[in-house]
Amino acid sequence: MTFIPPKKHTAAINGLPLSYYEWHPGGEPVVLLHGLADHGLVWASLGESLGKKYHVVALDLRGHGDSGKPETGYTFADYNADLDGICQHFGWSKVNLLGHSWGAKIAAVWATQNPDKVKSLILADPFFMGKLPLWWRYTFPIGYRVLPFLKLLGQFESYHQAEAIAKKLKQYRGWNEWQQAICRESFLENPDGTWTSKFVKRACDEIFLDILRVNGLTQPLEMPSLFVQPEGGLNRLEFQLKPYRQYLTNLQWQKVPGNHWAHMVEPEAFNQAIANFLSRSL
């Protein structure tokens, strides 16, 4: 079956173009936030599967995909303002919010500051949720070399070179037509024939620094919440899981197959978990 990309739009939010994919306008609002170095197309399977009951919007967060890439402005405060702006753009007073990895921390921070705007909160294998020592900033150069999800950051002589690296990464396990489209959407062809990641390093630098400074969960949240825990994900130890049990007072827990990118490598099970939670919560 041929993969048909969803409709993509751009809105002017806080003086920047903010791109997003959209499914089934008019239904119950569901906002999807991707992880670091990804973009909104990673949610195509979930957006399509949720059906006409839900108006699903998957953002290209600033610094990613086809959204604006200012010289600075990649703190949690900036991403919070973008979420405020997208809600105003659609006229939404309350949304169901799902975030993956670093996007889950954005979701948690925004929910903490705007609990009246969040109907339900879904955190898919969150990462970087707590504060970290500021001396970790000195490890950033090492992180750029060794973190798998940053191996596609930068410029490549050809798209084939970039794709060859992508095929070895965990989020592209299986390498189906949809994953190929996600990979292709991650890059921009330059006039000289080289290819560059749409995720820019200046955004990564500032995001990493703010991750160290900001604690994602700081007070109890009462809205229905779901923690999605992939079998091969990043959250496996009790100290990692404790903050979610402590602060999310109306918490459900769902284990799913797959790795950190379960929504890309095991989408059927992941999508069903999300649909089941939303149907119970609304």
Protein backbone atom coordinates (compact mmCIF):
# COMPACT_ATOMS: atom_id res chain seq x y z
CA MET A 1 0.00 0.00 0.00
CA THR A 2 1.38 3.40 -1.01
CA PHE A 3 2.00 5.85 1.82
CA ILE A 4 0.10 9.11 1.25
CA PRO A 5 1.43 11.97 3.39
CA PRO A 6 -1.16 13.89 5.43
CA LYS A 7 -2.00 17.50 4.73
CA LYS A 8 0.57 20.00 5.95
CA HIS A 9 -0.11 23.61 6.85
CA THR A 10 1.77 26.58 8.25
CA ALA A 11 0.50 29.13 10.76
CA ALA A 12 2.16 32.36 11.89
CA ILE A 13 2.74 31.82 15.62
CA ASN A 14 4.70 34.29 17.75
CA GLY A 15 6.26 35.82 14.66
CA LEU A 16 7.47 32.48 13.28
CA PRO A 17 6.07 30.04 10.73
CA LEU A 18 4.94 26.94 12.61
CA SER A 19 4.25 23.93 10.38
CA TYR A 20 1.90 21.13 11.32
CA TYR A 21 0.20 18.04 9.93
CA GLU A 22 -3.55 17.76 10.40
CA TRP A 23 -6.17 15.01 10.41
CA HIS A 24 -9.97 15.21 10.70
CA PRO A 25 -10.65 18.89 11.49
CA GLY A 26 -13.59 19.50 13.76
CA GLY A 27 -13.20 16.65 16.22
CA GLU A 28 -11.83 16.46 19.75
CA PRO A 29 -8.46 18.32 19.83
CA VAL A 30 -5.34 16.14 20.11
CA VAL A 31 -1.91 17.81 19.88
CA LEU A 32 1.17 15.65 19.22
CA LEU A 33 4.74 16.71 20.10
CA HIS A 34 7.68 14.83 18.58
CA GLY A 35 11.03 14.18 20.21
CA LEU A 36 14.35 15.94 19.71
CA ALA A 37 15.58 15.96 16.08
CA ASP A 38 12.30 14.49 14.76
CA HIS A 39 9.34 16.23 13.08
CA GLY A 40 5.58 15.96 12.86
CA LEU A 41 5.44 13.25 10.20
CA VAL A 42 6.52 10.66 12.79
CA TRP A 43 2.88 10.78 13.99
CA ALA A 44 1.30 9.98 10.61
CA SER A 45 0.23 6.46 11.58
CA LEU A 46 -1.36 7.61 14.85
CA GLY A 47 -3.03 10.63 13.28
CA GLU A 48 -4.67 8.54 10.61
CA SER A 49 -5.66 5.73 12.95
CA LEU A 50 -7.49 7.85 15.52
CA GLY A 51 -10.30 8.53 13.07
CA LYS A 52 -12.79 11.34 12.60
CA LYS A 53 -13.67 11.62 16.28
CA TYR A 54 -10.38 13.44 16.84
CA HIS A 55 -8.95 16.60 15.32
CA VAL A 56 -5.26 15.69 15.38
CA VAL A 57 -2.46 18.20 14.91
CA ALA A 58 1.20 17.10 14.85
CA LEU A 59 3.59 20.03 15.10
CA ASP A 60 7.00 20.57 13.60
CA LEU A 61 8.40 22.18 16.75
CA ARG A 62 10.47 25.31 16.19
CA GLY A 63 13.97 24.46 14.99
CA HIS A 64 12.64 21.25 13.41
CA GLY A 65 11.05 20.27 10.12
CA ASP A 66 9.61 23.16 8.13
CA SER A 67 8.96 25.43 11.12
CA GLY A 68 10.89 28.61 11.80
CA LYS A 69 14.50 28.44 12.93
CA PRO A 70 15.44 31.71 14.66
CA GLU A 71 18.98 32.37 15.86
CA THR A 72 17.81 31.96 19.47
CA GLY A 73 14.55 31.08 21.22
CA TYR A 74 14.57 27.35 22.00
CA THR A 75 13.74 27.32 25.70
CA PHE A 76 10.74 25.65 27.30
CA ALA A 77 9.23 29.12 27.65
CA ASP A 78 9.42 29.52 23.86
CA TYR A 79 7.83 26.13 23.20
CA ASN A 80 5.14 26.89 25.79
CA ALA A 81 4.35 30.11 23.96
CA ASP A 82 4.07 28.18 20.68
CA LEU A 83 1.58 25.78 22.27
CA ASP A 84 -0.42 28.76 23.53
CA GLY A 85 -0.32 30.17 20.03
CA ILE A 86 -1.46 26.99 18.27
CA CYS A 87 -4.40 26.70 20.68
CA GLN A 88 -5.36 30.30 19.93
CA HIS A 89 -4.97 29.61 16.20
CA PHE A 90 -7.58 26.83 16.37
CA GLY A 91 -9.72 28.45 19.04
CA TRP A 92 -9.12 25.59 21.48
CA SER A 93 -9.59 26.18 25.20
CA LYS A 94 -8.64 22.62 26.18
CA VAL A 95 -6.65 19.89 24.39
CA ASN A 96 -5.48 16.32 24.77
CA LEU A 97 -1.69 16.54 24.71
CA LEU A 98 0.80 13.80 23.78
CA GLY A 99 4.57 14.19 23.89
CA HIS A 100 7.36 11.76 23.07
CA SER A 101 10.83 11.83 24.67
CA TRP A 102 11.94 15.50 24.97
CA GLY A 103 8.52 16.46 23.59
CA ALA A 104 7.03 14.75 26.67
CA LYS A 105 8.94 17.20 28.85
CA ILE A 106 7.52 20.10 26.86
CA ALA A 107 4.06 18.60 27.40
CA ALA A 108 4.64 18.16 31.14
CA VAL A 109 5.95 21.72 31.58
CA TRP A 110 3.02 23.21 29.65
CA ALA A 111 0.51 21.06 31.54
CA THR A 112 2.02 22.13 34.85
CA GLN A 113 1.72 25.79 33.93
CA ASN A 114 -1.67 25.43 32.20
CA PRO A 115 -3.56 22.58 33.89
CA ASP A 116 -6.90 24.14 32.94
CA LYS A 117 -5.97 23.81 29.25
CA VAL A 118 -5.11 20.09 29.30
CA LYS A 119 -7.97 17.61 29.12
CA SER A 120 -5.61 14.62 29.18
CA LEU A 121 -1.84 14.15 29.17
CA ILE A 122 0.07 11.33 27.46
CA LEU A 123 3.82 10.89 28.01
CA ALA A 124 5.46 8.41 25.62
CA ASP A 125 8.80 7.16 26.98
CA PRO A 126 9.80 10.58 28.38
CA PHE A 127 13.45 11.59 28.49
CA PHE A 128 15.29 14.41 30.30
CA MET A 129 12.28 14.98 32.59
CA GLY A 130 14.17 16.19 35.66
CA LYS A 131 16.85 18.80 36.17
CA LEU A 132 20.45 17.79 35.51
CA PRO A 133 23.71 19.24 36.86
CA LEU A 134 24.87 22.21 34.80
CA TRP A 135 28.33 20.68 34.43
CA TRP A 136 26.70 18.27 31.99
CA ARG A 137 26.97 21.08 29.42
CA TYR A 138 30.62 20.13 29.02
CA THR A 139 29.56 16.72 27.73
CA PHE A 140 27.59 18.20 24.80
CA PRO A 141 30.43 17.76 22.25
CA ILE A 142 30.59 14.07 23.16
CA GLY A 143 26.81 13.78 22.90
CA TYR A 144 26.85 15.13 19.36
CA ARG A 145 29.23 12.35 18.37
CA VAL A 146 27.65 9.40 20.16
CA LEU A 147 23.90 9.98 20.60
CA PRO A 148 22.22 7.93 17.84
CA PHE A 149 19.33 10.35 17.24
CA LEU A 150 21.85 13.12 16.45
CA LYS A 151 23.74 11.16 13.80
CA LEU A 152 21.58 12.77 11.11
CA LEU A 153 22.35 16.29 12.29
CA GLY A 154 24.45 18.32 9.86
CA GLN A 155 25.29 18.18 6.15
CA PHE A 156 25.78 15.22 3.82
CA GLU A 157 27.31 14.92 0.36
CA SER A 158 24.20 13.13 -0.91
CA TYR A 159 20.82 12.00 0.31
CA HIS A 160 21.96 8.41 -0.20
CA GLN A 161 24.71 9.00 2.39
CA ALA A 162 22.20 10.28 4.95
CA GLU A 163 19.73 7.49 4.24
CA ALA A 164 22.41 4.84 4.67
CA ILE A 165 23.00 6.11 8.23
CA ALA A 166 19.26 6.32 8.95
CA LYS A 167 18.71 2.67 8.02
CA LYS A 168 20.98 1.66 10.91
CA LEU A 169 19.09 3.69 13.54
CA LYS A 170 16.54 2.17 15.91
CA GLN A 171 13.70 4.49 14.90
CA TYR A 172 13.90 3.16 11.33
CA ARG A 173 13.84 -0.51 12.23
CA GLY A 174 11.92 -2.31 9.49
CA TRP A 175 12.50 0.49 6.95
CA ASN A 176 9.01 0.61 5.45
CA GLU A 177 7.61 3.16 3.03
CA TRP A 178 6.35 5.43 5.80
CA GLN A 179 9.75 5.45 7.54
CA GLN A 180 11.41 6.28 4.23
CA ALA A 181 9.07 9.27 3.92
CA ILE A 182 9.93 10.38 7.48
CA CYS A 183 13.64 10.18 6.69
CA ARG A 184 13.27 12.09 3.43
CA GLU A 185 11.25 14.80 5.18
CA SER A 186 14.12 15.28 7.66
CA PHE A 187 16.43 16.78 5.03
CA LEU A 188 16.67 19.75 2.71
CA GLU A 189 18.53 19.67 -0.61
CA ASN A 190 20.96 22.57 -1.07
CA PRO A 191 21.66 24.35 -4.38
CA ASP A 192 25.11 22.68 -4.54
CA GLY A 193 23.58 19.20 -4.37
CA THR A 194 24.42 18.51 -0.72
CA TRP A 195 21.74 17.65 1.83
CA THR A 196 21.26 19.24 5.26
CA SER A 197 19.23 18.20 8.28
CA LYS A 198 16.20 20.44 8.84
CA PHE A 199 16.97 20.24 12.57
CA VAL A 200 19.56 22.94 13.26
CA LYS A 201 22.46 22.71 15.69
CA ARG A 202 21.79 26.11 17.28
CA ALA A 203 18.41 24.79 18.36
CA CYS A 204 20.00 21.63 19.76
CA ASP A 205 22.56 23.62 21.77
CA GLU A 206 19.93 25.80 23.43
CA ILE A 207 17.50 22.92 24.00
CA PHE A 208 20.17 20.86 25.74
CA LEU A 209 21.08 23.74 28.03
CA ASP A 210 17.47 24.41 29.01
CA ILE A 211 16.91 20.69 29.63
CA LEU A 212 19.50 20.93 32.40
CA ARG A 213 17.81 23.94 34.01
CA VAL A 214 14.15 22.97 33.96
CA ASN A 215 12.32 20.32 35.96
CA GLY A 216 9.40 18.94 33.98
CA LEU A 217 7.19 17.87 36.88
CA THR A 218 7.02 20.08 39.95
CA GLN A 219 3.46 19.82 41.31
CA PRO A 220 0.55 17.36 41.26
CA LEU A 221 -1.46 17.18 38.02
CA GLU A 222 -5.03 15.88 38.28
CA MET A 223 -6.00 15.43 34.62
CA PRO A 224 -6.21 11.84 33.27
CA SER A 225 -2.66 10.87 32.34
CA LEU A 226 -1.06 7.97 30.53
CA PHE A 227 2.54 6.80 30.73
CA VAL A 228 3.47 4.75 27.65
CA GLN A 229 6.39 2.45 28.44
CA PRO A 230 7.94 0.59 25.47
CA GLU A 231 9.51 -2.75 26.31
CA GLY A 232 12.84 -1.58 24.90
CA GLY A 233 12.47 2.06 25.94
CA LEU A 234 14.57 4.34 28.11
CA ASN A 235 12.51 4.23 31.32
CA ARG A 236 13.27 0.94 33.06
CA LEU A 237 14.50 1.76 36.58
CA GLU A 238 12.39 2.74 39.56
CA PHE A 239 14.09 6.10 40.11
CA GLN A 240 13.21 7.05 36.54
CA LEU A 241 9.54 6.16 37.05
CA LYS A 242 9.06 7.62 40.53
CA PRO A 243 8.32 11.26 39.48
CA TYR A 244 5.40 10.20 37.27
CA ARG A 245 3.77 8.20 40.05
CA GLN A 246 4.40 11.08 42.45
CA TYR A 247 3.03 13.98 40.40
CA LEU A 248 0.45 12.44 38.06
CA THR A 249 -2.39 11.72 40.48
CA ASN A 250 -4.77 10.25 37.88
CA LEU A 251 -2.23 8.04 36.15
CA GLN A 252 -2.68 5.02 33.91
CA TRP A 253 0.24 2.88 32.78
CA GLN A 254 0.56 1.05 29.48
CA LYS A 255 3.43 -1.15 28.32
CA VAL A 256 3.81 -1.55 24.56
CA PRO A 257 6.21 -3.48 22.32
CA GLY A 258 9.06 -1.73 20.56
CA ASN A 259 11.92 0.58 21.43
CA HIS A 260 12.04 4.30 22.32
CA TRP A 261 10.32 5.05 18.99
CA ALA A 262 7.46 2.57 19.50
CA HIS A 263 5.11 4.85 17.52
CA MET A 264 7.37 4.29 14.48
CA VAL A 265 8.46 0.66 14.84
CA GLU A 266 5.35 -0.90 16.47
CA PRO A 267 2.64 1.58 15.45
CA GLU A 268 -0.38 -0.73 15.66
CA ALA A 269 0.10 -1.55 19.35
CA PHE A 270 1.08 2.03 20.17
CA ASN A 271 -1.90 3.51 18.33
CA GLN A 272 -4.31 1.14 20.03
CA ALA A 273 -2.96 2.09 23.46
CA ILE A 274 -3.53 5.78 22.71
CA ALA A 275 -7.03 5.20 21.27
CA ASN A 276 -8.04 3.12 24.28
CA PHE A 277 -6.84 5.76 26.72
CA LEU A 278 -8.57 8.62 24.91
CA SER A 279 -11.84 6.72 24.69
CA ARG A 280 -11.75 6.07 28.45
CA SER A 281 -10.74 9.62 29.35
CA LEU A 282 -13.25 11.64 27.32
